[in-house]
Amino acid sequence: MSVYAVVFPISVGAWYLARRFFATPPVVTEALRRRRHVLLAPARTAIGLLIVIDGGSFRL
């Protein structure tokens, strides 16, 4: 369990740095600002379906 306590914050930090690197150029920032509502709904739906299916609570 202590391994998770070390690896999880490192992984979160890596995702944060990746976001800062990829999402801060002005072209990307403007595109995300204009299309955020279109991109966010499918992304959240996909993540939710992945959790439900992978968790075994819904079988296809």
C-alpha atoms as a PDB file:
ATOM      1  CA  MET A   1       0.000   0.000   0.000  1.00  0.00           C
ATOM      2  CA  SER A   2       2.865   2.384   0.666  1.00  0.00           C
ATOM      3  CA  VAL A   3       3.986   1.981  -2.952  1.00  0.00           C
ATOM      4  CA  TYR A   4       0.642   3.442  -4.071  1.00  0.00           C
ATOM      5  CA  ALA A   5       1.118   6.360  -1.691  1.00  0.00           C
ATOM      6  CA  VAL A   6       4.383   7.196  -3.466  1.00  0.00           C
ATOM      7  CA  VAL A   7       3.474   6.373  -7.075  1.00  0.00           C
ATOM      8  CA  PHE A   8       0.104   8.140  -7.156  1.00  0.00           C
ATOM      9  CA  PRO A   9       1.397  11.671  -6.371  1.00  0.00           C
ATOM     10  CA  ILE A  10       4.246  11.186  -8.835  1.00  0.00           C
ATOM     11  CA  SER A  11       1.749  10.166 -11.533  1.00  0.00           C
ATOM     12  CA  VAL A  12      -0.484  13.142 -10.778  1.00  0.00           C
ATOM     13  CA  GLY A  13       2.515  15.449 -11.019  1.00  0.00           C
ATOM     14  CA  ALA A  14       3.515  13.923 -14.357  1.00  0.00           C
ATOM     15  CA  TRP A  15      -0.006  14.482 -15.742  1.00  0.00           C
ATOM     16  CA  TYR A  16       0.064  18.062 -14.487  1.00  0.00           C
ATOM     17  CA  LEU A  17       3.389  18.769 -16.177  1.00  0.00           C
ATOM     18  CA  ALA A  18       2.189  17.150 -19.407  1.00  0.00           C
ATOM     19  CA  ARG A  19      -0.923  19.332 -19.335  1.00  0.00           C
ATOM     20  CA  ARG A  20       1.154  22.444 -18.829  1.00  0.00           C
ATOM     21  CA  PHE A  21       3.452  21.485 -21.689  1.00  0.00           C
ATOM     22  CA  PHE A  22       0.757  20.546 -24.221  1.00  0.00           C
ATOM     23  CA  ALA A  23      -2.076  22.942 -23.341  1.00  0.00           C
ATOM     24  CA  THR A  24      -0.274  26.255 -22.878  1.00  0.00           C
ATOM     25  CA  PRO A  25       0.564  27.241 -26.492  1.00  0.00           C
ATOM     26  CA  PRO A  26      -1.794  30.049 -27.571  1.00  0.00           C
ATOM     27  CA  VAL A  27      -3.209  28.092 -30.535  1.00  0.00           C
ATOM     28  CA  VAL A  28      -4.131  25.133 -28.341  1.00  0.00           C
ATOM     29  CA  THR A  29      -5.474  27.339 -25.557  1.00  0.00           C
ATOM     30  CA  GLU A  30      -7.781  29.207 -27.928  1.00  0.00           C
ATOM     31  CA  ALA A  31      -9.040  25.993 -29.555  1.00  0.00           C
ATOM     32  CA  LEU A  32      -9.780  24.455 -26.156  1.00  0.00           C
ATOM     33  CA  ARG A  33     -11.511  27.611 -24.984  1.00  0.00           C
ATOM     34  CA  ARG A  34     -13.845  27.582 -27.995  1.00  0.00           C
ATOM     35  CA  ARG A  35     -14.568  23.834 -28.075  1.00  0.00           C
ATOM     36  CA  ARG A  36     -14.373  22.830 -24.431  1.00  0.00           C
ATOM     37  CA  HIS A  37     -18.090  22.005 -24.173  1.00  0.00           C
ATOM     38  CA  VAL A  38     -17.852  19.725 -27.226  1.00  0.00           C
ATOM     39  CA  LEU A  39     -14.743  17.881 -26.036  1.00  0.00           C
ATOM     40  CA  LEU A  40     -15.560  17.529 -22.359  1.00  0.00           C
ATOM     41  CA  ALA A  41     -18.862  15.633 -22.586  1.00  0.00           C
ATOM     42  CA  PRO A  42     -17.580  12.722 -24.735  1.00  0.00           C
ATOM     43  CA  ALA A  43     -14.382  12.512 -22.686  1.00  0.00           C
ATOM     44  CA  ARG A  44     -16.308  12.240 -19.407  1.00  0.00           C
ATOM     45  CA  THR A  45     -18.724   9.731 -20.919  1.00  0.00           C
ATOM     46  CA  ALA A  46     -15.861   7.571 -22.189  1.00  0.00           C
ATOM     47  CA  ILE A  47     -14.107   7.652 -18.811  1.00  0.00           C
ATOM     48  CA  GLY A  48     -17.340   6.747 -17.027  1.00  0.00           C
ATOM     49  CA  LEU A  49     -18.036   3.831 -19.382  1.00  0.00           C
ATOM     50  CA  LEU A  50     -14.476   2.591 -18.971  1.00  0.00           C
ATOM     51  CA  ILE A  51     -14.836   2.615 -15.186  1.00  0.00           C
ATOM     52  CA  VAL A  52     -18.208   0.844 -15.253  1.00  0.00           C
ATOM     53  CA  ILE A  53     -17.150  -1.846 -17.759  1.00  0.00           C
ATOM     54  CA  ASP A  54     -13.683  -2.396 -16.293  1.00  0.00           C
ATOM     55  CA  GLY A  55     -15.108  -2.540 -12.776  1.00  0.00           C
ATOM     56  CA  GLY A  56     -17.316  -5.457 -13.748  1.00  0.00           C
ATOM     57  CA  SER A  57     -20.621  -3.833 -12.848  1.00  0.00           C
ATOM     58  CA  PHE A  58     -21.821  -3.973 -16.459  1.00  0.00           C
ATOM     59  CA  ARG A  59     -21.079  -6.764 -18.909  1.00  0.00           C
ATOM     60  CA  LEU A  60     -21.439  -6.424 -22.663  1.00  0.00           C
END
